[in-house]
N, C-alpha and C. Protein backbone atom coordinates (compact mmCIF):
# COMPACT_ATOMS: atom_id res chain seq x y z
N MET A 1 82.57 -331.83 -151.10
CA MET A 1 81.99 -332.60 -150.03
C MET A 1 80.97 -331.74 -149.31
N LEU A 2 79.85 -332.32 -148.96
CA LEU A 2 78.76 -331.64 -148.28
C LEU A 2 78.69 -332.17 -146.85
N LYS A 3 78.78 -331.29 -145.86
CA LYS A 3 78.80 -331.72 -144.46
C LYS A 3 77.85 -330.84 -143.65
N LEU A 4 77.03 -331.47 -142.81
CA LEU A 4 76.10 -330.75 -141.94
C LEU A 4 76.63 -330.76 -140.51
N SER A 5 76.53 -329.65 -139.85
CA SER A 5 76.87 -329.58 -138.43
C SER A 5 75.81 -328.76 -137.71
N THR A 6 75.73 -328.87 -136.40
CA THR A 6 74.68 -328.20 -135.64
C THR A 6 75.24 -327.07 -134.78
N VAL A 7 76.09 -326.27 -135.35
CA VAL A 7 76.57 -325.09 -134.62
C VAL A 7 76.06 -323.86 -135.34
N PRO A 8 75.77 -322.81 -134.74
CA PRO A 8 75.89 -322.55 -133.31
C PRO A 8 74.68 -323.03 -132.52
N ASN A 9 74.91 -323.26 -131.27
CA ASN A 9 73.84 -323.59 -130.32
C ASN A 9 73.67 -322.41 -129.38
N PHE A 10 72.44 -322.16 -129.03
CA PHE A 10 72.14 -321.04 -128.14
C PHE A 10 71.27 -321.57 -127.01
N GLU A 11 71.66 -321.25 -125.78
CA GLU A 11 70.86 -321.65 -124.62
C GLU A 11 70.87 -320.51 -123.61
N GLN A 12 69.68 -320.20 -123.12
CA GLN A 12 69.55 -319.13 -122.14
C GLN A 12 68.60 -319.59 -121.05
N THR A 13 69.01 -319.36 -119.81
CA THR A 13 68.17 -319.71 -118.66
C THR A 13 67.99 -318.45 -117.81
N ALA A 14 66.77 -318.15 -117.49
CA ALA A 14 66.46 -316.98 -116.66
C ALA A 14 65.57 -317.41 -115.51
N SER A 15 65.75 -316.78 -114.36
CA SER A 15 64.91 -317.07 -113.21
C SER A 15 64.53 -315.76 -112.52
N LEU A 16 63.37 -315.77 -111.90
CA LEU A 16 62.85 -314.60 -111.21
C LEU A 16 62.23 -315.05 -109.90
N SER A 17 62.60 -314.38 -108.82
CA SER A 17 62.01 -314.65 -107.50
C SER A 17 61.50 -313.34 -106.94
N GLN A 18 60.29 -313.37 -106.42
CA GLN A 18 59.67 -312.16 -105.90
C GLN A 18 58.97 -312.48 -104.59
N PHE A 19 59.12 -311.59 -103.62
CA PHE A 19 58.45 -311.72 -102.32
C PHE A 19 57.80 -310.38 -102.00
N GLU A 20 56.54 -310.41 -101.64
CA GLU A 20 55.81 -309.16 -101.36
C GLU A 20 54.99 -309.33 -100.09
N LYS A 21 55.07 -308.33 -99.22
CA LYS A 21 54.30 -308.34 -97.98
C LYS A 21 53.66 -306.97 -97.81
N SER A 22 52.36 -306.96 -97.52
CA SER A 22 51.66 -305.70 -97.32
C SER A 22 50.81 -305.79 -96.05
N PHE A 23 50.64 -304.64 -95.42
CA PHE A 23 49.91 -304.57 -94.16
C PHE A 23 49.14 -303.25 -94.13
N ALA A 24 47.88 -303.27 -93.78
CA ALA A 24 47.07 -302.06 -93.73
C ALA A 24 46.11 -302.13 -92.54
N THR A 25 45.91 -300.98 -91.91
CA THR A 25 44.93 -300.88 -90.83
C THR A 25 44.02 -299.69 -91.09
N SER A 26 42.81 -299.79 -90.60
CA SER A 26 41.84 -298.72 -90.75
C SER A 26 41.02 -298.63 -89.46
N SER A 27 40.76 -297.40 -89.03
CA SER A 27 39.99 -297.19 -87.81
C SER A 27 38.96 -296.10 -88.07
N ASP A 28 37.73 -296.33 -87.62
CA ASP A 28 36.65 -295.36 -87.81
C ASP A 28 35.89 -295.24 -86.49
N ALA A 29 35.91 -294.05 -85.91
CA ALA A 29 35.19 -293.80 -84.66
C ALA A 29 34.19 -292.67 -84.92
N GLU A 30 32.92 -292.94 -84.66
CA GLU A 30 31.87 -291.96 -84.89
C GLU A 30 31.03 -291.80 -83.62
N SER A 31 30.56 -290.59 -83.42
CA SER A 31 29.71 -290.32 -82.26
C SER A 31 28.67 -289.29 -82.66
N ALA A 32 27.45 -289.51 -82.24
CA ALA A 32 26.36 -288.56 -82.50
C ALA A 32 25.54 -288.39 -81.23
N SER A 33 25.14 -287.16 -80.98
CA SER A 33 24.36 -286.88 -79.79
C SER A 33 23.29 -285.86 -80.15
N VAL A 34 22.07 -286.14 -79.77
CA VAL A 34 20.96 -285.23 -80.01
C VAL A 34 20.30 -284.95 -78.66
N ALA A 35 20.19 -283.70 -78.29
CA ALA A 35 19.56 -283.33 -77.00
C ALA A 35 18.46 -282.31 -77.28
N PHE A 36 17.27 -282.61 -76.88
CA PHE A 36 16.16 -281.67 -77.03
C PHE A 36 16.11 -280.76 -75.80
N PRO A 37 15.67 -279.54 -76.01
CA PRO A 37 15.60 -278.63 -74.85
C PRO A 37 14.61 -279.13 -73.81
N THR A 38 14.98 -278.93 -72.60
CA THR A 38 14.10 -279.37 -71.51
C THR A 38 13.53 -278.14 -70.80
N THR A 39 12.24 -278.08 -70.76
CA THR A 39 11.54 -277.03 -70.00
C THR A 39 10.40 -277.68 -69.23
N THR A 40 9.98 -277.06 -68.21
CA THR A 40 8.92 -277.64 -67.39
C THR A 40 7.54 -277.37 -67.96
N THR A 41 7.41 -276.51 -68.96
CA THR A 41 6.09 -276.17 -69.49
C THR A 41 5.77 -276.90 -70.78
N ASP A 42 6.73 -277.67 -71.35
CA ASP A 42 6.51 -278.32 -72.64
C ASP A 42 5.63 -279.56 -72.55
N SER A 43 5.69 -280.27 -71.47
CA SER A 43 4.92 -281.50 -71.38
C SER A 43 4.40 -281.70 -69.97
N VAL A 44 3.62 -282.72 -69.85
CA VAL A 44 3.04 -283.05 -68.56
C VAL A 44 4.10 -283.59 -67.61
N PHE A 45 5.13 -284.25 -68.16
CA PHE A 45 6.15 -284.89 -67.32
C PHE A 45 7.27 -283.94 -66.94
N GLY A 46 7.29 -282.74 -67.44
CA GLY A 46 8.30 -281.78 -67.04
C GLY A 46 9.49 -281.68 -67.97
N SER A 47 9.60 -282.52 -68.97
CA SER A 47 10.70 -282.42 -69.95
C SER A 47 10.23 -282.99 -71.27
N SER A 48 10.95 -282.69 -72.35
CA SER A 48 10.59 -283.26 -73.65
C SER A 48 11.12 -284.68 -73.71
N PHE A 49 11.93 -284.96 -74.70
CA PHE A 49 12.46 -286.32 -74.88
C PHE A 49 13.83 -286.44 -74.22
N PRO A 50 14.22 -287.65 -73.90
CA PRO A 50 15.55 -287.82 -73.32
C PRO A 50 16.65 -287.59 -74.37
N THR A 51 17.85 -287.43 -73.94
CA THR A 51 19.00 -287.24 -74.83
C THR A 51 19.29 -288.54 -75.56
N ILE A 52 19.53 -288.44 -76.87
CA ILE A 52 19.84 -289.61 -77.70
C ILE A 52 21.33 -289.57 -78.05
N THR A 53 22.03 -290.63 -77.76
CA THR A 53 23.47 -290.71 -78.03
C THR A 53 23.77 -292.01 -78.77
N GLN A 54 24.59 -291.88 -79.79
CA GLN A 54 25.00 -293.07 -80.55
C GLN A 54 26.50 -293.03 -80.76
N THR A 55 27.16 -294.17 -80.53
CA THR A 55 28.61 -294.28 -80.71
C THR A 55 28.90 -295.52 -81.55
N ALA A 56 29.76 -295.35 -82.55
CA ALA A 56 30.18 -296.47 -83.41
C ALA A 56 31.70 -296.49 -83.49
N ASP A 57 32.25 -297.65 -83.32
CA ASP A 57 33.71 -297.82 -83.39
C ASP A 57 34.00 -299.02 -84.28
N GLN A 58 34.79 -298.81 -85.34
CA GLN A 58 35.06 -299.88 -86.30
C GLN A 58 36.56 -299.92 -86.60
N ASN A 59 37.15 -301.11 -86.54
CA ASN A 59 38.58 -301.31 -86.83
C ASN A 59 38.72 -302.44 -87.85
N GLN A 60 39.63 -302.23 -88.79
CA GLN A 60 39.91 -303.26 -89.80
C GLN A 60 41.41 -303.42 -89.93
N MET A 61 41.83 -304.66 -90.20
CA MET A 61 43.24 -304.95 -90.41
C MET A 61 43.38 -305.92 -91.59
N LEU A 62 44.34 -305.65 -92.46
CA LEU A 62 44.58 -306.50 -93.63
C LEU A 62 46.06 -306.82 -93.71
N SER A 63 46.37 -308.08 -93.91
CA SER A 63 47.75 -308.51 -94.07
C SER A 63 47.81 -309.49 -95.24
N SER A 64 48.80 -309.30 -96.11
CA SER A 64 48.90 -310.14 -97.30
C SER A 64 50.37 -310.47 -97.56
N ILE A 65 50.62 -311.74 -97.91
CA ILE A 65 51.97 -312.20 -98.25
C ILE A 65 51.89 -312.94 -99.57
N LYS A 66 52.75 -312.54 -100.53
CA LYS A 66 52.77 -313.17 -101.84
C LYS A 66 54.19 -313.60 -102.17
N SER A 67 54.29 -314.74 -102.81
CA SER A 67 55.60 -315.25 -103.23
C SER A 67 55.47 -315.76 -104.67
N LEU A 68 56.47 -315.44 -105.49
CA LEU A 68 56.45 -315.83 -106.90
C LEU A 68 57.83 -316.35 -107.29
N SER A 69 57.85 -317.47 -107.96
CA SER A 69 59.09 -318.03 -108.48
C SER A 69 58.84 -318.45 -109.93
N GLN A 70 59.69 -317.97 -110.82
CA GLN A 70 59.49 -318.24 -112.24
C GLN A 70 60.84 -318.62 -112.85
N GLN A 71 60.82 -319.63 -113.70
CA GLN A 71 62.03 -320.07 -114.38
C GLN A 71 61.72 -320.29 -115.86
N GLU A 72 62.66 -319.86 -116.71
CA GLU A 72 62.44 -319.96 -118.15
C GLU A 72 63.75 -320.42 -118.80
N THR A 73 63.63 -321.36 -119.71
CA THR A 73 64.79 -321.86 -120.45
C THR A 73 64.47 -321.82 -121.94
N GLN A 74 65.41 -321.28 -122.70
CA GLN A 74 65.27 -321.23 -124.16
C GLN A 74 66.47 -321.93 -124.79
N ARG A 75 66.18 -322.75 -125.79
CA ARG A 75 67.26 -323.43 -126.54
C ARG A 75 66.99 -323.25 -128.02
N PHE A 76 68.07 -322.99 -128.74
CA PHE A 76 67.93 -322.75 -130.16
C PHE A 76 69.19 -323.24 -130.87
N SER A 77 69.02 -323.98 -131.94
CA SER A 77 70.16 -324.40 -132.77
C SER A 77 69.67 -324.62 -134.18
N TYR A 78 70.55 -324.48 -135.12
CA TYR A 78 70.19 -324.71 -136.51
C TYR A 78 71.42 -325.25 -137.25
N PRO A 79 71.19 -326.05 -138.26
CA PRO A 79 72.32 -326.66 -138.96
C PRO A 79 73.01 -325.66 -139.91
N PHE A 80 74.31 -325.76 -139.96
CA PHE A 80 75.10 -325.02 -140.94
C PHE A 80 75.45 -325.98 -142.08
N LEU A 81 75.54 -325.47 -143.24
CA LEU A 81 75.91 -326.26 -144.40
C LEU A 81 77.34 -325.92 -144.77
N SER A 82 78.18 -326.92 -144.80
CA SER A 82 79.57 -326.71 -145.15
C SER A 82 79.84 -327.31 -146.53
N LEU A 83 80.40 -326.52 -147.41
CA LEU A 83 80.74 -326.97 -148.76
C LEU A 83 82.23 -327.22 -148.85
N GLY A 84 82.64 -328.28 -149.51
CA GLY A 84 84.07 -328.56 -149.67
C GLY A 84 84.62 -329.34 -148.50
N TYR A 85 85.95 -329.20 -148.31
CA TYR A 85 86.63 -329.98 -147.28
C TYR A 85 86.99 -329.16 -146.05
N SER A 86 86.41 -327.97 -145.88
CA SER A 86 86.76 -327.11 -144.77
C SER A 86 86.12 -327.60 -143.47
N GLN A 87 86.80 -327.43 -142.37
CA GLN A 87 86.29 -327.79 -141.05
C GLN A 87 85.39 -326.68 -140.50
N ILE A 88 85.48 -325.48 -141.10
CA ILE A 88 84.66 -324.36 -140.66
C ILE A 88 83.36 -324.37 -141.43
N PRO A 89 82.22 -324.45 -140.77
CA PRO A 89 80.95 -324.49 -141.48
C PRO A 89 80.75 -323.26 -142.36
N SER A 90 80.18 -323.46 -143.54
CA SER A 90 79.84 -322.48 -144.54
C SER A 90 81.06 -321.75 -145.11
N MET A 91 82.24 -322.25 -144.85
CA MET A 91 83.46 -321.66 -145.43
C MET A 91 84.17 -322.73 -146.25
N GLY A 92 83.49 -323.29 -147.24
CA GLY A 92 83.98 -324.42 -148.00
C GLY A 92 85.19 -324.14 -148.88
N PHE A 93 85.51 -322.89 -149.15
CA PHE A 93 86.61 -322.59 -150.05
C PHE A 93 87.92 -322.34 -149.33
N LEU A 94 87.97 -322.47 -148.02
CA LEU A 94 89.24 -322.28 -147.27
C LEU A 94 89.97 -323.56 -147.12
């Protein structure tokens, strides 16, 4: 007697959850000053050029939030061939 059955069956389910949060700050402060010497004999007005001053201030902030959810399911089965009158697949002589 020839009998087909669908054992074994294989099923696997996997899931993954991920949460990520990042935060960054950056600050940049710059200052430059140029002063020329002042004497009363250099020019008609009694001094050279005025003092030059420059100031720069820069701030940056970054915030990021990420979320990931993943699910995977695998199913696998294949037929066994049973020969003879055995109830156990592929063991027809028992």
